[in-house]
Amino acid sequence: MVFLSHICSQYSSPSPIFVCSISCFLLLLLASFFTMSLAGKITTEIGVHATAAKWFNLFATQLHHVQNLTDRVHGTKLHQGEDWHHNETVKHWTYTIDGKATTCLESIESIDEQNKTITYKLFSGDIDHKYKKFKFTFQAIDKDQGGAFIKWTVEYERLAEEVDPPYGYIEYLHKCTKDIDVHLLKA
């Protein structure tokens, strides 16, 4: 405040309204740093034994098999479209998050074959009750010594501050990744 008064006094004496306005602005700015953002991103990397190529092939060309590789996915079916891996196709998923059966629709937003990356948009069902925006990004990265890292990024925007960040989805992705890795090693 002393600094502000010094600057203002060089030009004219600061009016109490001006100082109050600046003080209020600074307080609001400071308060905004302590307010939780509704949007966020959570990233996790999981070491797996199967190669990045096997992982990417499963998610890019055989996504419908995931329901047979982990008991956390109860079922999936085509909701709209005929090709499981086309970006205009919508799939219906039923799975368990935090011990609760959950449903959503999903579509592929983008596929980057060179970087073995796929981004999925999740919506409808239980997602829309908590989140305005919800995306998974899957990336398979080869390790130098064999195997791979599976990198999952969950990008979201909550509808309200009362909605928790989707940590249950990170746990779900960890468990599914471990289950699927066992099956990919056998293939």
Protein backbone atom coordinates (compact mmCIF):
# COMPACT_ATOMS: atom_id res chain seq x y z
CA MET A 1 0.00 0.00 0.00
CA VAL A 2 2.92 2.33 0.72
CA PHE A 3 4.25 1.65 -2.77
CA LEU A 4 0.82 2.40 -4.27
CA SER A 5 0.56 5.64 -2.29
CA HIS A 6 4.04 6.66 -3.44
CA ILE A 7 3.14 6.10 -7.11
CA CYS A 8 -0.15 7.94 -6.80
CA SER A 9 1.41 10.87 -4.92
CA GLN A 10 3.75 11.57 -7.83
CA TYR A 11 0.78 12.62 -9.95
CA SER A 12 -1.74 13.85 -7.43
CA SER A 13 -2.87 12.85 -4.03
CA PRO A 14 -4.71 9.53 -4.27
CA SER A 15 -8.37 9.66 -3.59
CA PRO A 16 -9.67 7.29 -0.92
CA ILE A 17 -11.97 5.72 -3.54
CA PHE A 18 -9.01 5.00 -5.83
CA VAL A 19 -6.98 3.38 -3.03
CA CYS A 20 -10.02 1.38 -1.88
CA SER A 21 -10.72 0.20 -5.44
CA ILE A 22 -7.14 -0.93 -5.91
CA SER A 23 -7.12 -2.60 -2.48
CA CYS A 24 -10.36 -4.43 -3.23
CA PHE A 25 -9.02 -5.50 -6.60
CA LEU A 26 -5.84 -6.85 -5.04
CA LEU A 27 -7.84 -8.73 -2.39
CA LEU A 28 -10.06 -10.29 -5.05
CA LEU A 29 -7.02 -11.22 -7.10
CA LEU A 30 -5.40 -12.82 -4.06
CA ALA A 31 -8.62 -14.68 -3.19
CA SER A 32 -8.84 -16.08 -6.71
CA PHE A 33 -5.50 -17.85 -6.17
CA PHE A 34 -6.97 -19.71 -3.19
CA THR A 35 -10.23 -20.66 -4.90
CA MET A 36 -10.20 -24.14 -6.39
CA SER A 37 -10.49 -24.28 -10.14
CA LEU A 38 -13.31 -26.36 -11.57
CA ALA A 39 -11.09 -27.52 -14.44
CA GLY A 40 -8.17 -29.84 -13.99
CA LYS A 41 -5.91 -32.49 -15.40
CA ILE A 42 -4.57 -35.62 -13.70
CA THR A 43 -1.81 -37.67 -15.32
CA THR A 44 -0.42 -41.04 -14.30
CA GLU A 45 2.14 -43.39 -15.85
CA ILE A 46 2.00 -47.13 -15.27
CA GLY A 47 4.84 -49.49 -16.12
CA VAL A 48 3.65 -52.57 -18.04
CA HIS A 49 5.33 -55.65 -19.48
CA ALA A 50 3.63 -55.79 -22.91
CA THR A 51 5.04 -53.61 -25.68
CA ALA A 52 3.67 -50.19 -26.58
CA ALA A 53 2.74 -51.59 -30.02
CA LYS A 54 0.52 -54.28 -28.45
CA TRP A 55 -1.14 -51.73 -26.20
CA PHE A 56 -1.76 -49.24 -28.98
CA ASN A 57 -3.08 -51.98 -31.28
CA LEU A 58 -5.61 -53.04 -28.64
CA PHE A 59 -6.94 -49.53 -28.09
CA ALA A 60 -6.74 -48.46 -31.75
CA THR A 61 -8.19 -51.58 -33.42
CA GLN A 62 -9.69 -53.92 -30.79
CA LEU A 63 -11.30 -51.66 -28.19
CA HIS A 64 -14.37 -53.90 -27.98
CA HIS A 65 -12.17 -56.64 -26.39
CA VAL A 66 -11.40 -54.52 -23.32
CA GLN A 67 -14.64 -55.68 -21.67
CA ASN A 68 -13.29 -59.25 -21.78
CA LEU A 69 -9.90 -58.36 -20.28
CA THR A 70 -10.87 -56.72 -16.99
CA ASP A 71 -13.76 -57.32 -14.61
CA ARG A 72 -14.00 -53.57 -13.97
CA VAL A 73 -15.68 -53.13 -17.37
CA HIS A 74 -19.09 -54.80 -17.24
CA GLY A 75 -20.00 -54.25 -20.85
CA THR A 76 -19.75 -52.07 -23.89
CA LYS A 77 -21.74 -51.82 -27.09
CA LEU A 78 -22.05 -49.58 -30.10
CA HIS A 79 -24.53 -46.82 -29.43
CA GLN A 80 -24.19 -45.02 -32.76
CA GLY A 81 -22.21 -46.04 -35.83
CA GLU A 82 -20.82 -49.35 -37.06
CA ASP A 83 -17.03 -49.06 -36.66
CA TRP A 84 -15.64 -49.21 -33.12
CA HIS A 85 -12.67 -47.05 -34.04
CA HIS A 86 -14.19 -44.26 -36.11
CA ASN A 87 -14.32 -40.81 -34.53
CA GLU A 88 -18.05 -40.43 -35.28
CA THR A 89 -18.92 -43.72 -33.57
CA VAL A 90 -20.37 -43.55 -30.05
CA LYS A 91 -19.95 -46.44 -27.62
CA HIS A 92 -21.94 -47.14 -24.44
CA TRP A 93 -19.84 -48.30 -21.48
CA THR A 94 -20.80 -49.79 -18.11
CA TYR A 95 -17.99 -50.03 -15.53
CA THR A 96 -17.25 -49.73 -11.81
CA ILE A 97 -15.89 -46.53 -10.25
CA ASP A 98 -15.50 -46.28 -6.47
CA GLY A 99 -17.52 -49.49 -6.04
CA LYS A 100 -20.49 -48.13 -8.01
CA ALA A 101 -21.76 -49.29 -11.41
CA THR A 102 -21.36 -46.31 -13.73
CA THR A 103 -22.35 -45.62 -17.33
CA CYS A 104 -21.27 -43.21 -20.01
CA LEU A 105 -21.03 -42.71 -23.74
CA GLU A 106 -17.63 -42.39 -25.38
CA SER A 107 -16.27 -41.28 -28.72
CA ILE A 108 -12.75 -41.01 -30.10
CA GLU A 109 -11.63 -37.40 -30.38
CA SER A 110 -8.23 -38.03 -31.97
CA ILE A 111 -5.72 -40.76 -32.84
CA ASP A 112 -2.00 -40.10 -33.29
CA GLU A 113 -0.42 -43.32 -34.58
CA GLN A 114 3.12 -41.95 -34.58
CA ASN A 115 2.98 -41.10 -30.85
CA LYS A 116 0.66 -44.04 -30.03
CA THR A 117 -1.86 -41.65 -28.49
CA ILE A 118 -5.67 -41.72 -28.46
CA THR A 119 -7.96 -39.15 -26.87
CA TYR A 120 -11.47 -40.21 -25.86
CA LYS A 121 -14.35 -37.93 -24.98
CA LEU A 122 -16.70 -39.29 -22.28
CA PHE A 123 -20.17 -37.85 -21.84
CA SER A 124 -23.76 -38.57 -20.87
CA GLY A 125 -24.78 -41.13 -18.24
CA ASP A 126 -23.10 -40.58 -14.89
CA ILE A 127 -20.46 -38.24 -16.34
CA ASP A 128 -22.91 -35.41 -17.05
CA HIS A 129 -24.07 -35.37 -13.40
CA LYS A 130 -20.63 -34.23 -12.25
CA TYR A 131 -18.60 -32.95 -15.17
CA LYS A 132 -19.04 -30.39 -17.92
CA LYS A 133 -16.04 -31.80 -19.83
CA PHE A 134 -14.37 -35.19 -19.42
CA LYS A 135 -11.61 -36.71 -21.56
CA PHE A 136 -9.16 -39.60 -21.31
CA THR A 137 -5.90 -39.52 -23.22
CA PHE A 138 -4.12 -42.85 -23.60
CA GLN A 139 -0.48 -43.02 -24.67
CA ALA A 140 1.74 -46.11 -24.98
CA ILE A 141 5.45 -45.32 -24.63
CA ASP A 142 8.18 -47.95 -25.17
CA LYS A 143 10.69 -48.51 -22.37
CA ASP A 144 14.38 -48.92 -23.26
CA GLN A 145 14.61 -52.28 -21.49
CA GLY A 146 11.39 -53.73 -22.97
CA GLY A 147 7.80 -53.29 -21.93
CA ALA A 148 6.15 -49.91 -21.93
CA PHE A 149 4.71 -47.08 -19.92
CA ILE A 150 1.01 -46.44 -20.26
CA LYS A 151 0.31 -42.77 -19.69
CA TRP A 152 -3.25 -41.82 -18.86
CA THR A 153 -4.36 -38.19 -18.68
CA VAL A 154 -7.80 -37.34 -17.38
CA GLU A 155 -8.87 -33.83 -18.34
CA TYR A 156 -12.08 -32.58 -16.75
CA GLU A 157 -14.21 -29.63 -15.77
CA ARG A 158 -16.42 -30.10 -12.72
CA LEU A 159 -19.95 -28.68 -12.63
CA ALA A 160 -19.48 -27.34 -9.09
CA GLU A 161 -16.84 -27.06 -6.37
CA GLU A 162 -18.68 -29.75 -4.36
CA VAL A 163 -17.78 -32.31 -7.05
CA ASP A 164 -14.51 -34.08 -6.26
CA PRO A 165 -11.78 -34.38 -8.88
CA PRO A 166 -12.04 -37.78 -10.60
CA TYR A 167 -9.45 -39.65 -8.52
CA GLY A 168 -11.63 -42.78 -8.70
CA TYR A 169 -11.04 -42.84 -12.45
CA ILE A 170 -7.27 -42.83 -11.91
CA GLU A 171 -7.61 -45.85 -9.61
CA TYR A 172 -9.89 -47.50 -12.20
CA LEU A 173 -7.35 -46.88 -14.98
CA HIS A 174 -4.51 -48.31 -12.85
CA LYS A 175 -6.44 -51.49 -12.10
CA CYS A 176 -7.66 -51.93 -15.68
CA THR A 177 -4.15 -51.35 -17.02
CA LYS A 178 -2.70 -54.06 -14.77
CA ASP A 179 -5.52 -56.51 -15.70
CA ILE A 180 -5.11 -55.87 -19.42
CA ASP A 181 -1.32 -56.19 -19.27
CA VAL A 182 -1.65 -59.78 -18.00
CA HIS A 183 -3.80 -60.66 -21.02
CA LEU A 184 -1.55 -58.88 -23.52
CA LEU A 185 1.45 -60.86 -22.29
CA LYS A 186 -0.38 -64.10 -23.06
CA ALA A 187 -1.32 -62.96 -26.57
